[in-house]
Amino acid sequence: MLQIMILVCSVNVSPVDCQMETALDVISGPQTASAISCGMQGQALIASTSFARQRPGEYVKIKCTHLKGMKTAQKI
């Protein structure tokens, strides 16, 4: 199982360096069975919410994390 994580990162952080530790905000999404469904559901989640309208200087990134290796996301 995978956990969908939506990362909100500063444009000053490269997409490669945009991780849970460097993100401005981390939003935990639903669980999914595969990487393909994680990507598709993550995109649908972003499109259907206010995440699609991020503030200037920010972008969003979908991260699919295996549940057994995932650290608990802290709320900001």
N, C-alpha and C. Protein backbone atom coordinates (compact mmCIF):
# COMPACT_ATOMS: atom_id res chain seq x y z
N MET A 1 0.84 -1.18 0.00
CA MET A 1 0.00 0.00 0.00
C MET A 1 0.88 1.25 0.00
N LEU A 2 0.39 2.27 -0.65
CA LEU A 2 1.07 3.55 -0.73
C LEU A 2 0.19 4.63 -0.12
N GLN A 3 0.83 5.64 0.43
CA GLN A 3 0.14 6.81 0.98
C GLN A 3 0.40 7.98 0.04
N ILE A 4 -0.65 8.67 -0.39
CA ILE A 4 -0.49 9.86 -1.21
C ILE A 4 -0.14 11.02 -0.30
N MET A 5 0.95 11.69 -0.62
CA MET A 5 1.37 12.88 0.12
C MET A 5 1.46 14.03 -0.87
N ILE A 6 0.84 15.15 -0.54
CA ILE A 6 0.91 16.36 -1.37
C ILE A 6 1.87 17.32 -0.67
N LEU A 7 2.95 17.67 -1.35
CA LEU A 7 3.95 18.57 -0.80
C LEU A 7 3.79 19.94 -1.44
N VAL A 8 3.77 20.98 -0.63
CA VAL A 8 3.74 22.35 -1.12
C VAL A 8 5.15 22.91 -0.87
N CYS A 9 5.84 23.24 -1.95
CA CYS A 9 7.23 23.66 -1.83
C CYS A 9 7.45 25.05 -2.43
N SER A 10 8.49 25.69 -1.96
CA SER A 10 8.90 26.99 -2.47
C SER A 10 9.58 26.80 -3.82
N VAL A 11 9.39 27.76 -4.72
CA VAL A 11 10.06 27.70 -6.02
C VAL A 11 11.58 27.79 -5.87
N ASN A 12 12.04 28.20 -4.70
CA ASN A 12 13.48 28.25 -4.44
C ASN A 12 14.06 26.87 -4.17
N VAL A 13 13.19 25.86 -4.02
CA VAL A 13 13.62 24.49 -3.78
C VAL A 13 13.37 23.70 -5.06
N SER A 14 14.40 23.02 -5.56
CA SER A 14 14.24 22.25 -6.79
C SER A 14 13.28 21.09 -6.55
N PRO A 15 12.61 20.62 -7.60
CA PRO A 15 11.69 19.49 -7.42
C PRO A 15 12.35 18.25 -6.81
N VAL A 16 13.60 18.01 -7.13
CA VAL A 16 14.32 16.87 -6.55
C VAL A 16 14.48 17.05 -5.04
N ASP A 17 14.74 18.27 -4.61
CA ASP A 17 14.95 18.55 -3.18
C ASP A 17 13.65 18.78 -2.41
N CYS A 18 12.53 18.83 -3.11
CA CYS A 18 11.23 19.01 -2.45
C CYS A 18 10.84 17.68 -1.82
N GLN A 19 11.05 17.58 -0.53
CA GLN A 19 10.74 16.37 0.24
C GLN A 19 9.91 16.77 1.45
N MET A 20 9.45 15.79 2.20
CA MET A 20 8.61 16.09 3.36
C MET A 20 9.32 17.00 4.35
N GLU A 21 10.63 16.88 4.46
CA GLU A 21 11.40 17.68 5.40
C GLU A 21 11.61 19.12 4.93
N THR A 22 11.55 19.36 3.60
CA THR A 22 11.83 20.69 3.07
C THR A 22 10.58 21.42 2.59
N ALA A 23 9.44 20.76 2.61
CA ALA A 23 8.20 21.34 2.12
C ALA A 23 7.68 22.40 3.08
N LEU A 24 6.98 23.38 2.53
CA LEU A 24 6.32 24.40 3.35
C LEU A 24 5.12 23.80 4.07
N ASP A 25 4.46 22.86 3.40
CA ASP A 25 3.30 22.19 3.98
C ASP A 25 3.23 20.78 3.41
N VAL A 26 2.73 19.84 4.20
CA VAL A 26 2.56 18.46 3.78
C VAL A 26 1.12 18.06 4.07
N ILE A 27 0.43 17.58 3.05
CA ILE A 27 -0.96 17.17 3.20
C ILE A 27 -1.04 15.68 2.92
N SER A 28 -1.55 14.94 3.87
CA SER A 28 -1.69 13.50 3.73
C SER A 28 -2.98 13.19 3.00
N GLY A 29 -2.86 12.44 1.91
CA GLY A 29 -4.03 12.03 1.13
C GLY A 29 -4.41 10.60 1.45
N PRO A 30 -5.28 10.02 0.63
CA PRO A 30 -5.74 8.65 0.89
C PRO A 30 -4.67 7.62 0.56
N GLN A 31 -4.92 6.39 0.98
CA GLN A 31 -4.04 5.28 0.65
C GLN A 31 -4.47 4.71 -0.69
N THR A 32 -3.52 4.10 -1.39
CA THR A 32 -3.79 3.52 -2.70
C THR A 32 -2.95 2.27 -2.88
N ALA A 33 -3.32 1.43 -3.83
CA ALA A 33 -2.67 0.13 -3.99
C ALA A 33 -1.44 0.14 -4.90
N SER A 34 -1.34 1.10 -5.82
CA SER A 34 -0.22 1.07 -6.76
C SER A 34 0.31 2.47 -7.03
N ALA A 35 1.50 2.52 -7.62
CA ALA A 35 2.12 3.80 -7.95
C ALA A 35 1.30 4.54 -9.02
N ILE A 36 0.73 3.80 -9.96
CA ILE A 36 -0.07 4.44 -11.00
C ILE A 36 -1.31 5.07 -10.40
N SER A 37 -2.02 4.33 -9.54
CA SER A 37 -3.22 4.91 -8.93
C SER A 37 -2.86 6.04 -7.98
N CYS A 38 -1.70 5.98 -7.36
CA CYS A 38 -1.24 7.06 -6.48
C CYS A 38 -1.07 8.35 -7.29
N GLY A 39 -0.42 8.26 -8.42
CA GLY A 39 -0.21 9.44 -9.27
C GLY A 39 -1.52 10.00 -9.79
N MET A 40 -2.41 9.11 -10.26
CA MET A 40 -3.69 9.57 -10.82
C MET A 40 -4.59 10.16 -9.74
N GLN A 41 -4.69 9.50 -8.59
CA GLN A 41 -5.53 10.01 -7.51
C GLN A 41 -4.94 11.29 -6.92
N GLY A 42 -3.60 11.36 -6.86
CA GLY A 42 -2.95 12.58 -6.37
C GLY A 42 -3.26 13.77 -7.26
N GLN A 43 -3.21 13.57 -8.58
CA GLN A 43 -3.55 14.64 -9.52
C GLN A 43 -5.01 15.05 -9.38
N ALA A 44 -5.90 14.07 -9.22
CA ALA A 44 -7.33 14.37 -9.06
C ALA A 44 -7.57 15.13 -7.76
N LEU A 45 -6.85 14.76 -6.70
CA LEU A 45 -6.98 15.44 -5.41
C LEU A 45 -6.57 16.90 -5.54
N ILE A 46 -5.46 17.15 -6.19
CA ILE A 46 -4.98 18.52 -6.38
C ILE A 46 -5.96 19.32 -7.23
N ALA A 47 -6.45 18.72 -8.31
CA ALA A 47 -7.36 19.42 -9.23
C ALA A 47 -8.70 19.75 -8.57
N SER A 48 -9.13 18.93 -7.63
CA SER A 48 -10.45 19.13 -7.04
C SER A 48 -10.44 19.99 -5.77
N THR A 49 -9.27 20.48 -5.40
CA THR A 49 -9.17 21.27 -4.17
C THR A 49 -8.50 22.61 -4.44
N SER A 50 -8.33 23.36 -3.39
CA SER A 50 -7.68 24.66 -3.52
C SER A 50 -6.17 24.54 -3.71
N PHE A 51 -5.60 23.32 -3.65
CA PHE A 51 -4.17 23.15 -3.87
C PHE A 51 -3.78 23.60 -5.27
N ALA A 52 -4.72 23.50 -6.20
CA ALA A 52 -4.43 23.91 -7.58
C ALA A 52 -4.18 25.41 -7.67
N ARG A 53 -4.63 26.17 -6.69
CA ARG A 53 -4.44 27.62 -6.68
C ARG A 53 -3.40 27.99 -5.62
N GLN A 54 -2.21 27.48 -5.79
CA GLN A 54 -1.17 27.78 -4.81
C GLN A 54 -0.77 29.25 -4.87
N ARG A 55 -0.15 29.71 -3.82
CA ARG A 55 0.27 31.10 -3.75
C ARG A 55 1.48 31.32 -4.66
N PRO A 56 1.73 32.59 -5.06
CA PRO A 56 2.92 32.87 -5.88
C PRO A 56 4.17 32.41 -5.15
N GLY A 57 5.08 31.81 -5.90
CA GLY A 57 6.33 31.35 -5.30
C GLY A 57 6.25 29.94 -4.74
N GLU A 58 5.14 29.23 -5.00
CA GLU A 58 4.97 27.87 -4.51
C GLU A 58 4.55 26.94 -5.65
N TYR A 59 4.82 25.66 -5.47
CA TYR A 59 4.31 24.64 -6.39
C TYR A 59 3.97 23.40 -5.56
N VAL A 60 3.19 22.51 -6.14
CA VAL A 60 2.81 21.29 -5.44
C VAL A 60 3.48 20.09 -6.11
N LYS A 61 3.72 19.08 -5.31
CA LYS A 61 4.36 17.86 -5.79
C LYS A 61 3.64 16.68 -5.14
N ILE A 62 3.39 15.64 -5.92
CA ILE A 62 2.77 14.42 -5.41
C ILE A 62 3.89 13.45 -5.04
N LYS A 63 3.82 12.90 -3.84
CA LYS A 63 4.80 11.91 -3.40
C LYS A 63 4.03 10.66 -2.98
N CYS A 64 4.43 9.52 -3.49
CA CYS A 64 3.81 8.24 -3.13
C CYS A 64 4.77 7.51 -2.21
N THR A 65 4.37 7.31 -0.97
CA THR A 65 5.24 6.75 0.05
C THR A 65 4.72 5.40 0.52
N HIS A 66 5.61 4.41 0.60
CA HIS A 66 5.22 3.11 1.14
C HIS A 66 4.85 3.29 2.61
N LEU A 67 3.76 2.69 3.02
CA LEU A 67 3.25 2.89 4.37
C LEU A 67 4.21 2.42 5.45
N LYS A 68 4.88 1.30 5.26
CA LYS A 68 5.75 0.80 6.33
C LYS A 68 6.98 1.66 6.54
N GLY A 69 7.38 2.45 5.53
CA GLY A 69 8.56 3.30 5.67
C GLY A 69 8.24 4.76 5.90
N MET A 70 6.95 5.08 6.05
CA MET A 70 6.54 6.48 6.14
C MET A 70 6.62 6.99 7.56
N LYS A 71 7.16 8.19 7.70
CA LYS A 71 7.14 8.89 8.99
C LYS A 71 5.83 9.65 9.07
N THR A 72 5.36 9.87 10.24
CA THR A 72 4.12 10.63 10.42
C THR A 72 4.36 12.07 10.04
N ALA A 73 3.51 12.59 9.16
CA ALA A 73 3.63 13.99 8.75
C ALA A 73 3.18 14.89 9.87
N GLN A 74 3.93 15.94 10.10
CA GLN A 74 3.58 16.90 11.14
C GLN A 74 2.74 18.00 10.52
N LYS A 75 1.72 18.41 11.22
CA LYS A 75 0.90 19.51 10.74
C LYS A 75 1.58 20.82 11.03
N ILE A 76 1.53 21.71 10.06
CA ILE A 76 2.16 23.02 10.20
C ILE A 76 1.11 24.03 10.52
